[in-house]
Amino acid sequence: MKTRSSLRRIAVGFGTGIAIACVDNFAFGGEVSPIVIVALLIATTATFGGMWGRAGWPTALAAWICVPLAHLVKHVLGLPDTLHPNTYPSILLLAAFTLVIATLGTGTGMLMHKRGKNSGAA
């Protein structure tokens, strides 16, 4: 039973990650501001951490990986991309940066989750 809910959470993570990657790559011809993507990633991962606490980590990581993975796939397939320069090191830097953002979002959500549980006990 617990495995099924974990798989659902990961599916939710991939679904939201794909949605964020679509906004990044297709909204306004792929010229959406990176600030929008950062805000979406923070909001999404903070929501997962806030809803599920530590159990939200796999969901947040599933959402995070979609953003750099979309650019990696486009690079490998030789498709045009808005990432400049479109190189493996820049994709790696994007992955590192978005991982930091996802970690901050999830951590913030986890703090709110823990705070909510503690305030309900008082």
Protein backbone atom coordinates (compact mmCIF):
# COMPACT_ATOMS: atom_id res chain seq x y z
CA MET A 1 0.00 0.00 0.00
CA LYS A 2 2.80 2.40 0.87
CA THR A 3 4.57 1.64 -2.41
CA ARG A 4 1.48 2.56 -4.38
CA SER A 5 1.25 5.99 -2.74
CA SER A 6 4.99 6.52 -3.35
CA LEU A 7 4.53 5.73 -7.03
CA ARG A 8 1.60 8.13 -7.20
CA ARG A 9 3.69 10.88 -5.63
CA ILE A 10 6.50 10.29 -8.11
CA ALA A 11 3.99 10.36 -10.96
CA VAL A 12 2.68 13.68 -9.64
CA GLY A 13 6.27 14.95 -9.54
CA PHE A 14 6.94 13.93 -13.13
CA GLY A 15 3.63 15.44 -14.22
CA THR A 16 4.35 18.81 -12.66
CA GLY A 17 7.97 18.69 -13.84
CA ILE A 18 6.86 18.05 -17.40
CA ALA A 19 4.43 20.95 -17.12
CA ILE A 20 7.22 23.26 -15.91
CA ALA A 21 9.52 22.04 -18.69
CA CYS A 22 6.76 22.71 -21.23
CA VAL A 23 6.36 26.25 -19.94
CA ASP A 24 10.14 26.66 -20.14
CA ASN A 25 10.41 25.34 -23.69
CA PHE A 26 7.15 26.31 -25.39
CA ALA A 27 5.50 29.31 -23.70
CA PHE A 28 6.05 32.48 -25.71
CA GLY A 29 8.16 30.54 -28.18
CA GLY A 30 10.46 29.33 -25.41
CA GLU A 31 11.32 32.86 -24.37
CA VAL A 32 9.74 32.82 -20.93
CA SER A 33 11.79 34.48 -18.21
CA PRO A 34 13.95 32.14 -16.11
CA ILE A 35 12.46 33.84 -13.05
CA VAL A 36 9.11 32.28 -13.94
CA ILE A 37 10.66 28.81 -14.09
CA VAL A 38 12.43 29.36 -10.76
CA ALA A 39 9.16 30.55 -9.18
CA LEU A 40 7.27 27.54 -10.54
CA LEU A 41 9.95 25.15 -9.30
CA ILE A 42 10.04 26.72 -5.84
CA ALA A 43 6.26 26.75 -5.53
CA THR A 44 5.94 23.17 -6.71
CA THR A 45 8.65 21.69 -4.53
CA ALA A 46 7.59 23.71 -1.49
CA THR A 47 4.08 22.38 -1.96
CA PHE A 48 5.38 18.80 -2.04
CA GLY A 49 7.47 19.35 1.08
CA GLY A 50 4.57 21.06 2.82
CA MET A 51 2.08 18.35 1.97
CA TRP A 52 4.21 15.26 2.61
CA GLY A 53 7.20 16.35 4.68
CA ARG A 54 10.19 14.07 4.07
CA ALA A 55 8.09 11.84 1.86
CA GLY A 56 7.91 14.77 -0.59
CA TRP A 57 11.60 14.48 -1.56
CA PRO A 58 11.17 11.88 -4.31
CA THR A 59 8.28 13.88 -5.72
CA ALA A 60 10.33 17.07 -5.72
CA LEU A 61 13.29 15.34 -7.36
CA ALA A 62 11.01 13.92 -10.05
CA ALA A 63 9.75 17.43 -10.77
CA TRP A 64 13.26 18.89 -10.74
CA ILE A 65 14.86 16.43 -13.14
CA CYS A 66 12.41 17.28 -15.92
CA VAL A 67 13.77 20.81 -16.40
CA PRO A 68 17.42 19.94 -17.18
CA LEU A 69 16.39 16.67 -18.85
CA ALA A 70 14.30 18.54 -21.42
CA HIS A 71 17.34 20.62 -22.43
CA LEU A 72 19.55 17.52 -22.50
CA VAL A 73 17.14 15.70 -24.80
CA LYS A 74 16.91 18.70 -27.11
CA HIS A 75 20.70 18.94 -27.21
CA VAL A 76 21.20 15.24 -27.94
CA LEU A 77 18.58 15.32 -30.70
CA GLY A 78 20.07 18.49 -32.19
CA LEU A 79 16.86 20.47 -31.74
CA PRO A 80 16.97 24.24 -31.33
CA ASP A 81 17.02 25.35 -27.70
CA THR A 82 16.78 28.60 -25.79
CA LEU A 83 19.67 27.63 -23.51
CA HIS A 84 22.76 29.56 -24.58
CA PRO A 85 25.35 28.27 -24.94
CA ASN A 86 23.66 24.96 -25.63
CA THR A 87 26.49 22.75 -24.34
CA TYR A 88 26.78 19.89 -21.87
CA PRO A 89 28.53 22.08 -19.26
CA SER A 90 25.73 24.67 -19.43
CA ILE A 91 23.11 21.92 -19.06
CA LEU A 92 25.05 20.61 -16.05
CA LEU A 93 25.11 24.11 -14.54
CA LEU A 94 21.37 24.41 -15.15
CA ALA A 95 20.85 21.06 -13.42
CA ALA A 96 22.93 22.16 -10.43
CA PHE A 97 21.17 25.52 -10.15
CA THR A 98 17.68 24.05 -10.42
CA LEU A 99 18.60 21.34 -7.91
CA VAL A 100 19.53 24.05 -5.41
CA ILE A 101 16.21 25.78 -6.09
CA ALA A 102 14.28 22.51 -5.68
CA THR A 103 16.15 21.74 -2.46
CA LEU A 104 15.37 25.17 -1.02
CA GLY A 105 11.72 24.84 -2.01
CA THR A 106 11.34 21.36 -0.57
CA GLY A 107 13.19 22.29 2.61
CA THR A 108 10.97 25.31 3.11
CA GLY A 109 7.88 23.21 2.59
CA MET A 110 9.16 20.61 5.05
CA LEU A 111 9.68 23.32 7.67
CA MET A 112 6.13 24.51 7.16
CA HIS A 113 4.89 20.92 7.37
CA LYS A 114 6.72 20.35 10.63
CA ARG A 115 5.58 23.69 12.03
CA GLY A 116 1.98 22.87 11.15
CA LYS A 117 2.18 19.51 12.90
CA ASN A 118 3.71 21.09 16.02
CA SER A 119 1.18 23.91 16.22
CA GLY A 120 -1.71 21.44 15.99
CA ALA A 121 -0.43 19.57 19.05
CA ALA A 122 -0.34 22.65 21.28
